[in-house]
Each structure stands twice: as C-alpha cells, then as structure tokens.
C-alpha cells in the first residue's frame, strides 16, 4: 500500500477471514490440527478507472501455481488447499489486466470490512493466534509452510531442467 500510495494510486485494505481448509497441504497435517478454524486475511483494493479493484490474486506467484497444477494434473474446476481456493484451478485470475484478481476468494468465511491501513485493520481485528499457538506458528508452522512452498516452486524448476 505504501508503494501504491507513493505512486499516487488510491488504495485501501479489505479484511476477511478464510477457512483453514485453504491451508491444508501447505501446513503439515500434524500442525494443521492446531490451526484456527478461520484465519485472518486481507487484500488490497485500488481505485482504478472510477471503481475499486480487488488485488487478492497477486499474492500467489506463477511458479508456485504451476507447481501446484503439476502436482494435481487431473484437477479441473474448483480447488481448495495449499493457499488456494478458486473455482478455476487451471486458469485463475491472478495476473492483473485491469480488473479483480483472486486466488483465495472461495475460502472466505466472514467479511471484516474496509480499512484505510493495515495498522487500522490489525488494531481492530487483532491477530489469529495468542499464547502458545502464536509461538508454535512463529517458530515451527511458518517454517514448515515456507519449506513446503519452496518444494512446490522447486518442483517447477526441476521439471524445466528434466
């Protein structure tokens, strides 16, 4: 948002909760059990050509998406897991061509409204985790998730090399 605003692009943050099923596969099974049922999520909206455009789909890079598609070659239509919840797994709208982008929209549980800044959003909504679960996420779950994402991205690189 800071870069958009520095470039003169009006923007805001839209808050949601998403169902934890969206993270299945990205979070290993034994840690998935402790994840909250609903996970705090947001995306940026920009004011473009007289309307607000949702830019949620750009959180997922093309290499990661291609790796997932290679892992699930027979999946057509809807997909939920690995940080994705879309009705069109083969061709989700993740690249901006002047309109909304989405990759997790189908996992939305609750709309938490629109905020002027991430600070305002988190001040009002708090965080997903507290106490021991927060520590577990910070030092264990996040590392496993990043490792899984790295493996999926590397899968695409290995396929190119073969």
Protein backbone atom coordinates (compact mmCIF):
# COMPACT_ATOMS: atom_id res chain seq x y z
CA UNK A 1 0.00 0.00 0.00
CA UNK A 2 2.87 2.35 0.75
CA UNK A 3 4.31 1.88 -2.74
CA UNK A 4 0.90 2.34 -4.37
CA UNK A 5 0.25 5.49 -2.38
CA UNK A 6 3.74 6.82 -3.10
CA UNK A 7 2.89 6.38 -6.78
CA UNK A 8 -0.35 8.30 -6.34
CA UNK A 9 -2.65 5.26 -6.54
CA UNK A 10 -5.56 5.44 -4.07
CA UNK A 11 -5.81 2.16 -2.16
CA UNK A 12 -7.33 0.54 0.90
CA UNK A 13 -7.28 -2.80 2.68
CA UNK A 14 -10.25 -5.20 2.76
CA UNK A 15 -10.31 -7.67 5.63
CA UNK A 16 -11.76 -11.18 5.76
CA UNK A 17 -11.43 -14.47 7.49
CA UNK A 18 -10.75 -17.53 5.35
CA UNK A 19 -11.46 -21.15 6.19
CA UNK A 20 -8.42 -23.09 7.35
CA UNK A 21 -9.16 -25.77 4.71
CA UNK A 22 -7.50 -23.37 2.30
CA UNK A 23 -4.14 -24.05 4.05
CA UNK A 24 -4.41 -27.86 4.00
CA UNK A 25 -1.32 -29.24 2.33
CA UNK A 26 0.68 -26.06 2.89
CA UNK A 27 0.62 -26.74 6.62
CA UNK A 28 1.69 -30.31 7.50
CA UNK A 29 -1.14 -32.46 8.89
CA UNK A 30 0.14 -32.69 12.46
CA UNK A 31 0.32 -28.87 12.66
CA UNK A 32 -2.85 -28.28 10.62
CA UNK A 33 -4.84 -29.63 13.56
CA UNK A 34 -3.85 -26.65 15.76
CA UNK A 35 -4.60 -24.00 13.11
CA UNK A 36 -7.61 -21.80 13.90
CA UNK A 37 -10.83 -22.65 12.02
CA UNK A 38 -10.83 -19.18 10.50
CA UNK A 39 -7.63 -17.37 9.51
CA UNK A 40 -7.35 -13.59 9.29
CA UNK A 41 -6.74 -12.48 5.69
CA UNK A 42 -6.83 -9.29 3.65
CA UNK A 43 -6.20 -7.92 0.23
CA UNK A 44 -5.52 -4.51 -1.22
CA UNK A 45 -8.06 -2.67 -3.34
CA UNK A 46 -7.03 0.11 -5.72
CA UNK A 47 -9.20 2.81 -7.21
CA UNK A 48 -8.83 2.46 -10.97
CA UNK A 49 -10.94 3.93 -13.78
CA UNK A 50 -13.68 5.03 -11.41
CA UNK A 51 -14.08 1.83 -9.38
CA UNK A 52 -12.41 -0.21 -6.64
CA UNK A 53 -10.46 -3.22 -7.94
CA UNK A 54 -9.58 -6.22 -5.71
CA UNK A 55 -5.95 -7.34 -5.98
CA UNK A 56 -6.08 -10.52 -3.91
CA UNK A 57 -4.82 -12.90 -6.59
CA UNK A 58 -1.36 -11.39 -6.86
CA UNK A 59 -0.27 -12.93 -3.54
CA UNK A 60 0.49 -16.18 -5.32
CA UNK A 61 3.30 -16.29 -7.85
CA UNK A 62 3.07 -18.07 -11.21
CA UNK A 63 5.86 -20.58 -10.38
CA UNK A 64 4.05 -21.75 -7.24
CA UNK A 65 0.71 -22.03 -9.07
CA UNK A 66 2.33 -24.01 -11.91
CA UNK A 67 3.91 -26.36 -9.36
CA UNK A 68 0.50 -26.99 -7.79
CA UNK A 69 -1.07 -27.60 -11.18
CA UNK A 70 1.66 -30.15 -11.94
CA UNK A 71 1.01 -31.85 -8.57
CA UNK A 72 -2.70 -32.15 -9.41
CA UNK A 73 -2.74 -32.74 -13.19
CA UNK A 74 -6.29 -34.13 -13.24
CA UNK A 75 -7.89 -31.33 -11.25
CA UNK A 76 -10.32 -29.27 -13.30
CA UNK A 77 -12.65 -26.62 -11.88
CA UNK A 78 -12.64 -25.92 -8.14
CA UNK A 79 -9.62 -26.41 -5.90
CA UNK A 80 -9.12 -25.72 -2.20
CA UNK A 81 -5.81 -26.21 -0.41
CA UNK A 82 -2.15 -25.17 -0.45
CA UNK A 83 -3.16 -21.50 -0.05
CA UNK A 84 -5.60 -21.62 -2.99
CA UNK A 85 -9.41 -21.55 -3.08
CA UNK A 86 -10.67 -20.96 -6.60
CA UNK A 87 -13.40 -22.15 -8.95
CA UNK A 88 -10.98 -22.33 -11.88
CA UNK A 89 -7.76 -24.12 -10.84
CA UNK A 90 -6.39 -24.30 -14.38
CA UNK A 91 -6.88 -20.61 -15.14
CA UNK A 92 -7.43 -18.49 -12.03
CA UNK A 93 -7.38 -14.73 -12.50
CA UNK A 94 -4.09 -13.97 -10.72
CA UNK A 95 -2.48 -11.54 -13.13
CA UNK A 96 -3.80 -8.02 -13.21
CA UNK A 97 -5.26 -6.99 -16.56
CA UNK A 98 -7.33 -4.07 -15.29
CA UNK A 99 -9.85 -5.97 -13.17
CA UNK A 100 -10.16 -8.01 -9.99
CA UNK A 101 -7.67 -10.78 -9.23
CA UNK A 102 -8.47 -13.70 -6.92
CA UNK A 103 -6.85 -16.89 -5.66
CA UNK A 104 -8.43 -17.35 -2.21
CA UNK A 105 -11.87 -15.76 -2.66
CA UNK A 106 -13.73 -19.07 -2.48
CA UNK A 107 -12.35 -19.66 1.03
CA UNK A 108 -13.89 -16.51 2.56
CA UNK A 109 -15.85 -17.12 5.75
CA UNK A 110 -16.54 -13.58 7.01
CA UNK A 111 -16.15 -10.11 5.51
CA UNK A 112 -14.49 -7.82 8.08
CA UNK A 113 -14.85 -4.59 6.12
CA UNK A 114 -12.65 -1.94 4.59
CA UNK A 115 -9.80 -0.09 6.33
CA UNK A 116 -7.51 2.78 5.42
CA UNK A 117 -4.36 0.95 6.54
CA UNK A 118 -3.07 -2.43 7.73
CA UNK A 119 -2.41 -0.84 11.13
CA UNK A 120 -6.08 0.10 11.46
CA UNK A 121 -7.16 -3.39 10.33
CA UNK A 122 -4.97 -5.23 12.86
CA UNK A 123 -5.75 -2.77 15.65
CA UNK A 124 -9.46 -3.51 15.20
CA UNK A 125 -9.28 -7.21 14.37
CA UNK A 126 -6.29 -8.34 16.43
CA UNK A 127 -4.42 -11.45 15.34
CA UNK A 128 -5.34 -15.09 14.76
CA UNK A 129 -3.18 -16.58 17.44
CA UNK A 130 -2.23 -15.87 21.02
CA UNK A 131 -0.06 -17.51 23.65
CA UNK A 132 1.48 -20.93 22.89
CA UNK A 133 -0.24 -21.23 19.49
CA UNK A 134 1.31 -17.93 18.40
CA UNK A 135 4.77 -19.14 19.44
CA UNK A 136 4.22 -22.50 17.71
CA UNK A 137 3.18 -20.74 14.49
CA UNK A 138 6.03 -18.22 14.59
CA UNK A 139 8.82 -20.74 15.21
CA UNK A 140 7.50 -24.01 13.74
CA UNK A 141 4.44 -23.82 11.47
CA UNK A 142 5.69 -20.89 9.39
CA UNK A 143 8.99 -22.67 8.74
CA UNK A 144 7.21 -25.85 7.59
CA UNK A 145 4.89 -23.81 5.36
CA UNK A 146 7.82 -21.97 3.77
CA UNK A 147 9.64 -25.26 3.22
CA UNK A 148 6.55 -26.77 1.54
CA UNK A 149 6.11 -23.71 -0.68
CA UNK A 150 9.81 -23.91 -1.62
CA UNK A 151 9.45 -27.59 -2.59
CA UNK A 152 6.48 -26.80 -4.80
CA UNK A 153 8.33 -23.93 -6.50
CA UNK A 154 11.43 -26.12 -6.95
CA UNK A 155 9.26 -28.83 -8.49
CA UNK A 156 8.58 -26.46 -11.39
CA UNK A 157 12.30 -25.71 -11.74
CA UNK A 158 13.14 -29.44 -11.69
CA UNK A 159 10.53 -30.13 -14.38
CA UNK A 160 12.15 -27.47 -16.61
CA UNK A 161 15.61 -29.00 -16.10
CA UNK A 162 14.44 -32.52 -16.99
